[in-house]
Structures are given as C-alpha cells and as structure tokens.
Amino acid sequence: MKKYYYNCPRGFSNEFSIISVEQTNEQEVKQFNEFYNRYQKSDNTNWDLHQITEKRARKIISDERTTKRAYERAGINLCCNPVGATEITSATEFFEEY
C-alpha cells in the first residue's frame, strides 16, 4: 500500500511535488520519516508537507498536466511560468534528487 504526500518547501503554489511512499519498503519509510522529522523541526513557516489521498494526488497531477498543455499551446514560456509537479515521484527517486 502506498501513502501519498504533498510537499511544498517554499510555499509557492507552483513549486511542489507529490511523493508516494510504499509502506512495505522499509528503506523508503525510514527515509521519509527522517525527512518528515526534518520538516517538523524546521523553522520555515512556508513549508507544507501533509498526507493526501491517492485520488487527490492523481487529481492534482491531472490538473497540472492540463495547465502545462494549455501553456504550451499558447506559446507561454514555461521557464517564466513554471507548472507544478506533472508526475507522482516515488520516495526513492525523490531522495536521490534531494
């Protein structure tokens, strides 16, 4: 079973990631718990990290993909108008980048 988390470290609505944590993978769970503890101890009041349902995670991703396609069709530069996450990132992938 997977749990999904919304992670927005700077508080900007277009800078976030959706992290999936496989509960049967002990390494992922351990890494995520360390990350979550870092979030709880952080002084950054803008950082938002909370659990969401799988349905909500898929809805957020779908909405972001729609926005990205609309921007691309209109010729809007995505570097200046970034779109949030367009895919769900596994905890293993997330911690490789983080």
N, C-alpha and C. Protein backbone atom coordinates (compact mmCIF):
# COMPACT_ATOMS: atom_id res chain seq x y z
N MET A 1 0.84 -1.18 0.00
CA MET A 1 0.00 0.00 0.00
C MET A 1 0.89 1.25 0.00
N LYS A 2 0.49 2.22 -0.76
CA LYS A 2 1.25 3.47 -0.84
C LYS A 2 0.51 4.57 -0.09
N LYS A 3 1.31 5.47 0.47
CA LYS A 3 0.77 6.70 1.04
C LYS A 3 1.32 7.83 0.21
N TYR A 4 0.52 8.86 0.03
CA TYR A 4 0.89 9.99 -0.81
C TYR A 4 1.01 11.25 0.04
N TYR A 5 2.02 12.06 -0.29
CA TYR A 5 2.28 13.28 0.46
C TYR A 5 2.47 14.45 -0.49
N TYR A 6 1.93 15.59 -0.10
CA TYR A 6 2.09 16.84 -0.83
C TYR A 6 3.24 17.58 -0.16
N ASN A 7 4.28 17.91 -0.92
CA ASN A 7 5.45 18.59 -0.38
C ASN A 7 5.65 19.92 -1.11
N CYS A 8 5.56 21.01 -0.38
CA CYS A 8 5.74 22.35 -0.95
C CYS A 8 6.72 23.10 -0.05
N PRO A 9 8.03 22.98 -0.32
CA PRO A 9 9.03 23.50 0.61
C PRO A 9 9.10 25.02 0.76
N ARG A 10 8.75 25.77 -0.29
CA ARG A 10 8.88 27.24 -0.19
C ARG A 10 7.54 27.96 -0.11
N GLY A 11 6.45 27.24 -0.20
CA GLY A 11 5.15 27.86 -0.07
C GLY A 11 4.58 28.42 -1.35
N PHE A 12 5.27 28.24 -2.49
CA PHE A 12 4.74 28.72 -3.77
C PHE A 12 3.83 27.64 -4.36
N SER A 13 2.69 28.05 -4.87
CA SER A 13 1.72 27.07 -5.36
C SER A 13 2.19 26.29 -6.57
N ASN A 14 3.18 26.80 -7.30
CA ASN A 14 3.65 26.07 -8.48
C ASN A 14 4.98 25.36 -8.24
N GLU A 15 5.43 25.31 -7.01
CA GLU A 15 6.66 24.59 -6.67
C GLU A 15 6.33 23.54 -5.62
N PHE A 16 5.94 22.39 -6.09
CA PHE A 16 5.59 21.32 -5.16
C PHE A 16 5.88 19.97 -5.81
N SER A 17 5.84 18.95 -5.00
CA SER A 17 5.97 17.59 -5.52
C SER A 17 4.99 16.69 -4.78
N ILE A 18 4.60 15.64 -5.46
CA ILE A 18 3.75 14.62 -4.85
C ILE A 18 4.65 13.40 -4.65
N ILE A 19 4.79 12.97 -3.42
CA ILE A 19 5.68 11.86 -3.09
C ILE A 19 4.84 10.65 -2.70
N SER A 20 5.15 9.50 -3.29
CA SER A 20 4.49 8.26 -2.89
C SER A 20 5.47 7.43 -2.08
N VAL A 21 5.01 6.91 -0.96
CA VAL A 21 5.85 6.10 -0.08
C VAL A 21 5.22 4.71 0.01
N GLU A 22 5.95 3.71 -0.47
CA GLU A 22 5.49 2.32 -0.41
C GLU A 22 5.70 1.82 1.02
N GLN A 23 4.61 1.48 1.69
CA GLN A 23 4.69 1.12 3.10
C GLN A 23 5.38 -0.22 3.35
N THR A 24 5.49 -1.06 2.34
CA THR A 24 6.17 -2.34 2.51
C THR A 24 7.68 -2.21 2.30
N ASN A 25 8.14 -1.08 1.79
CA ASN A 25 9.57 -0.85 1.57
C ASN A 25 10.13 -0.11 2.79
N GLU A 26 10.84 -0.84 3.64
CA GLU A 26 11.33 -0.27 4.90
C GLU A 26 12.29 0.90 4.68
N GLN A 27 13.10 0.81 3.63
CA GLN A 27 14.06 1.88 3.37
C GLN A 27 13.34 3.18 3.01
N GLU A 28 12.32 3.09 2.15
CA GLU A 28 11.55 4.29 1.78
C GLU A 28 10.88 4.89 3.01
N VAL A 29 10.29 4.04 3.83
CA VAL A 29 9.59 4.52 5.02
C VAL A 29 10.57 5.21 5.96
N LYS A 30 11.74 4.61 6.15
CA LYS A 30 12.75 5.19 7.03
C LYS A 30 13.22 6.54 6.50
N GLN A 31 13.52 6.61 5.19
CA GLN A 31 13.96 7.87 4.60
C GLN A 31 12.89 8.94 4.73
N PHE A 32 11.65 8.56 4.46
CA PHE A 32 10.58 9.55 4.55
C PHE A 32 10.38 10.02 5.98
N ASN A 33 10.46 9.11 6.94
CA ASN A 33 10.29 9.51 8.34
C ASN A 33 11.37 10.50 8.76
N GLU A 34 12.61 10.29 8.31
CA GLU A 34 13.68 11.24 8.60
C GLU A 34 13.38 12.60 7.96
N PHE A 35 12.88 12.57 6.73
CA PHE A 35 12.51 13.79 6.03
C PHE A 35 11.37 14.51 6.76
N TYR A 36 10.37 13.74 7.19
CA TYR A 36 9.23 14.31 7.90
C TYR A 36 9.67 14.93 9.23
N ASN A 37 10.59 14.27 9.92
CA ASN A 37 11.11 14.82 11.17
C ASN A 37 11.84 16.13 10.93
N ARG A 38 12.58 16.21 9.82
CA ARG A 38 13.27 17.44 9.45
C ARG A 38 12.24 18.55 9.20
N TYR A 39 11.13 18.19 8.55
CA TYR A 39 10.05 19.16 8.30
C TYR A 39 9.48 19.68 9.62
N GLN A 40 9.22 18.76 10.55
CA GLN A 40 8.62 19.16 11.82
C GLN A 40 9.55 20.06 12.64
N LYS A 41 10.84 19.86 12.53
CA LYS A 41 11.81 20.66 13.29
C LYS A 41 12.18 21.96 12.59
N SER A 42 11.75 22.12 11.35
CA SER A 42 12.12 23.28 10.56
C SER A 42 11.47 24.56 11.07
N ASP A 43 12.20 25.66 10.93
CA ASP A 43 11.67 26.97 11.28
C ASP A 43 10.93 27.62 10.12
N ASN A 44 10.98 26.99 8.95
CA ASN A 44 10.36 27.54 7.75
C ASN A 44 8.84 27.42 7.85
N THR A 45 8.17 28.54 8.05
CA THR A 45 6.71 28.51 8.20
C THR A 45 5.99 28.33 6.87
N ASN A 46 6.70 28.50 5.75
CA ASN A 46 6.07 28.33 4.44
C ASN A 46 6.04 26.87 3.99
N TRP A 47 6.87 26.04 4.55
CA TRP A 47 6.98 24.64 4.13
C TRP A 47 5.71 23.89 4.49
N ASP A 48 5.12 23.25 3.50
CA ASP A 48 3.89 22.48 3.69
C ASP A 48 4.14 21.04 3.29
N LEU A 49 3.96 20.13 4.20
CA LEU A 49 4.11 18.70 3.93
C LEU A 49 3.00 17.97 4.66
N HIS A 50 2.09 17.39 3.91
CA HIS A 50 0.99 16.66 4.54
C HIS A 50 0.53 15.51 3.67
N GLN A 51 -0.14 14.55 4.31
CA GLN A 51 -0.61 13.37 3.61
C GLN A 51 -1.89 13.70 2.85
N ILE A 52 -2.00 13.13 1.64
CA ILE A 52 -3.21 13.29 0.84
C ILE A 52 -3.64 11.91 0.35
N THR A 53 -4.85 11.81 -0.15
CA THR A 53 -5.34 10.53 -0.67
C THR A 53 -4.79 10.30 -2.07
N GLU A 54 -4.85 9.05 -2.50
CA GLU A 54 -4.39 8.72 -3.86
C GLU A 54 -5.24 9.46 -4.89
N LYS A 55 -6.54 9.53 -4.65
CA LYS A 55 -7.44 10.21 -5.57
C LYS A 55 -7.07 11.69 -5.70
N ARG A 56 -6.77 12.33 -4.58
CA ARG A 56 -6.38 13.75 -4.60
C ARG A 56 -5.04 13.93 -5.31
N ALA A 57 -4.10 13.00 -5.08
CA ALA A 57 -2.79 13.08 -5.74
C ALA A 57 -2.95 13.01 -7.25
N ARG A 58 -3.76 12.08 -7.71
CA ARG A 58 -3.97 11.92 -9.16
C ARG A 58 -4.71 13.13 -9.75
N LYS A 59 -5.61 13.73 -8.99
CA LYS A 59 -6.34 14.92 -9.44
C LYS A 59 -5.38 16.11 -9.58
N ILE A 60 -4.50 16.29 -8.61
CA ILE A 60 -3.53 17.39 -8.67
C ILE A 60 -2.64 17.23 -9.89
N ILE A 61 -2.13 16.02 -10.11
CA ILE A 61 -1.24 15.75 -11.24
C ILE A 61 -1.98 16.01 -12.56
N SER A 62 -3.21 15.55 -12.65
CA SER A 62 -4.01 15.75 -13.86
C SER A 62 -4.21 17.24 -14.14
N ASP A 63 -4.54 18.01 -13.12
CA ASP A 63 -4.74 19.45 -13.29
C ASP A 63 -3.46 20.15 -13.75
N GLU A 64 -2.32 19.74 -13.19
CA GLU A 64 -1.05 20.35 -13.57
C GLU A 64 -0.68 20.02 -15.01
N ARG A 65 -0.97 18.80 -15.44
CA ARG A 65 -0.69 18.43 -16.84
C ARG A 65 -1.56 19.25 -17.79
N THR A 66 -2.82 19.46 -17.41
CA THR A 66 -3.73 20.26 -18.23
C THR A 66 -3.20 21.69 -18.34
N THR A 67 -2.77 22.26 -17.23
CA THR A 67 -2.21 23.62 -17.24
C THR A 67 -0.97 23.69 -18.12
N LYS A 68 -0.10 22.69 -18.00
CA LYS A 68 1.13 22.68 -18.80
C LYS A 68 0.81 22.64 -20.29
N ARG A 69 -0.16 21.79 -20.68
CA ARG A 69 -0.55 21.71 -22.10
C ARG A 69 -1.13 23.04 -22.58
N ALA A 70 -1.94 23.68 -21.75
CA ALA A 70 -2.53 24.97 -22.14
C ALA A 70 -1.44 26.02 -22.33
N TYR A 71 -0.47 26.04 -21.45
CA TYR A 71 0.66 26.98 -21.58
C TYR A 71 1.43 26.71 -22.86
N GLU A 72 1.70 25.43 -23.14
CA GLU A 72 2.46 25.08 -24.34
C GLU A 72 1.72 25.49 -25.60
N ARG A 73 0.40 25.26 -25.64
CA ARG A 73 -0.40 25.63 -26.81
C ARG A 73 -0.41 27.14 -27.02
N ALA A 74 -0.42 27.88 -25.94
CA ALA A 74 -0.46 29.34 -26.04
C ALA A 74 0.92 29.94 -26.30
N GLY A 75 1.94 29.11 -26.27
CA GLY A 75 3.30 29.59 -26.51
C GLY A 75 3.89 30.33 -25.33
N ILE A 76 3.36 30.07 -24.16
CA ILE A 76 3.88 30.72 -22.95
C ILE A 76 5.14 30.00 -22.52
N ASN A 77 6.16 30.77 -22.18
CA ASN A 77 7.44 30.20 -21.76
C ASN A 77 7.28 29.56 -20.38
N LEU A 78 7.50 28.25 -20.31
CA LEU A 78 7.35 27.55 -19.04
C LEU A 78 8.45 27.88 -18.05
N CYS A 79 9.57 28.43 -18.53
CA CYS A 79 10.64 28.83 -17.60
C CYS A 79 10.18 30.01 -16.75
N CYS A 80 9.42 30.90 -17.34
CA CYS A 80 8.94 32.08 -16.62
C CYS A 80 7.63 31.80 -15.88
N ASN A 81 6.89 30.81 -16.35
CA ASN A 81 5.61 30.45 -15.75
C ASN A 81 5.61 28.96 -15.42
N PRO A 82 6.37 28.55 -14.40
CA PRO A 82 6.51 27.12 -14.15
C PRO A 82 5.21 26.47 -13.70
N VAL A 83 5.10 25.23 -14.06
CA VAL A 83 3.97 24.40 -13.66
C VAL A 83 4.47 23.51 -12.54
N GLY A 84 3.60 23.14 -11.62
CA GLY A 84 4.00 22.25 -10.53
C GLY A 84 4.28 20.84 -11.03
N ALA A 85 4.20 19.89 -10.16
CA ALA A 85 4.52 18.51 -10.49
C ALA A 85 3.57 17.96 -11.55
N THR A 86 4.14 17.24 -12.51
CA THR A 86 3.31 16.61 -13.54
C THR A 86 3.37 15.10 -13.44
N GLU A 87 4.01 14.58 -12.40
CA GLU A 87 4.01 13.14 -12.16
C GLU A 87 4.23 12.89 -10.67
N ILE A 88 3.80 11.72 -10.24
CA ILE A 88 3.99 11.33 -8.85
C ILE A 88 5.39 10.74 -8.73
N THR A 89 6.15 11.21 -7.78
CA THR A 89 7.53 10.77 -7.58
C THR A 89 7.59 9.78 -6.43
N SER A 90 8.23 8.65 -6.67
CA SER A 90 8.40 7.69 -5.58
C SER A 90 9.40 8.27 -4.58
N ALA A 91 9.30 7.84 -3.35
CA ALA A 91 10.20 8.35 -2.31
C ALA A 91 11.65 8.06 -2.66
N THR A 92 11.93 6.90 -3.26
CA THR A 92 13.30 6.55 -3.63
C THR A 92 13.85 7.56 -4.62
N GLU A 93 13.09 7.89 -5.66
CA GLU A 93 13.52 8.88 -6.65
C GLU A 93 13.67 10.26 -6.01
N PHE A 94 12.74 10.62 -5.17
CA PHE A 94 12.75 11.93 -4.54
C PHE A 94 14.02 12.12 -3.72
N PHE A 95 14.40 11.11 -2.94
CA PHE A 95 15.56 11.25 -2.07
C PHE A 95 16.87 11.15 -2.83
N GLU A 96 16.87 10.58 -4.03
CA GLU A 96 18.06 10.59 -4.88
C GLU A 96 18.36 12.02 -5.33
N GLU A 97 17.31 12.78 -5.63
CA GLU A 97 17.45 14.16 -6.10
C GLU A 97 17.64 15.14 -4.95
N TYR A 98 17.06 14.85 -3.81
CA TYR A 98 17.01 15.80 -2.69
C TYR A 98 18.28 15.86 -1.93
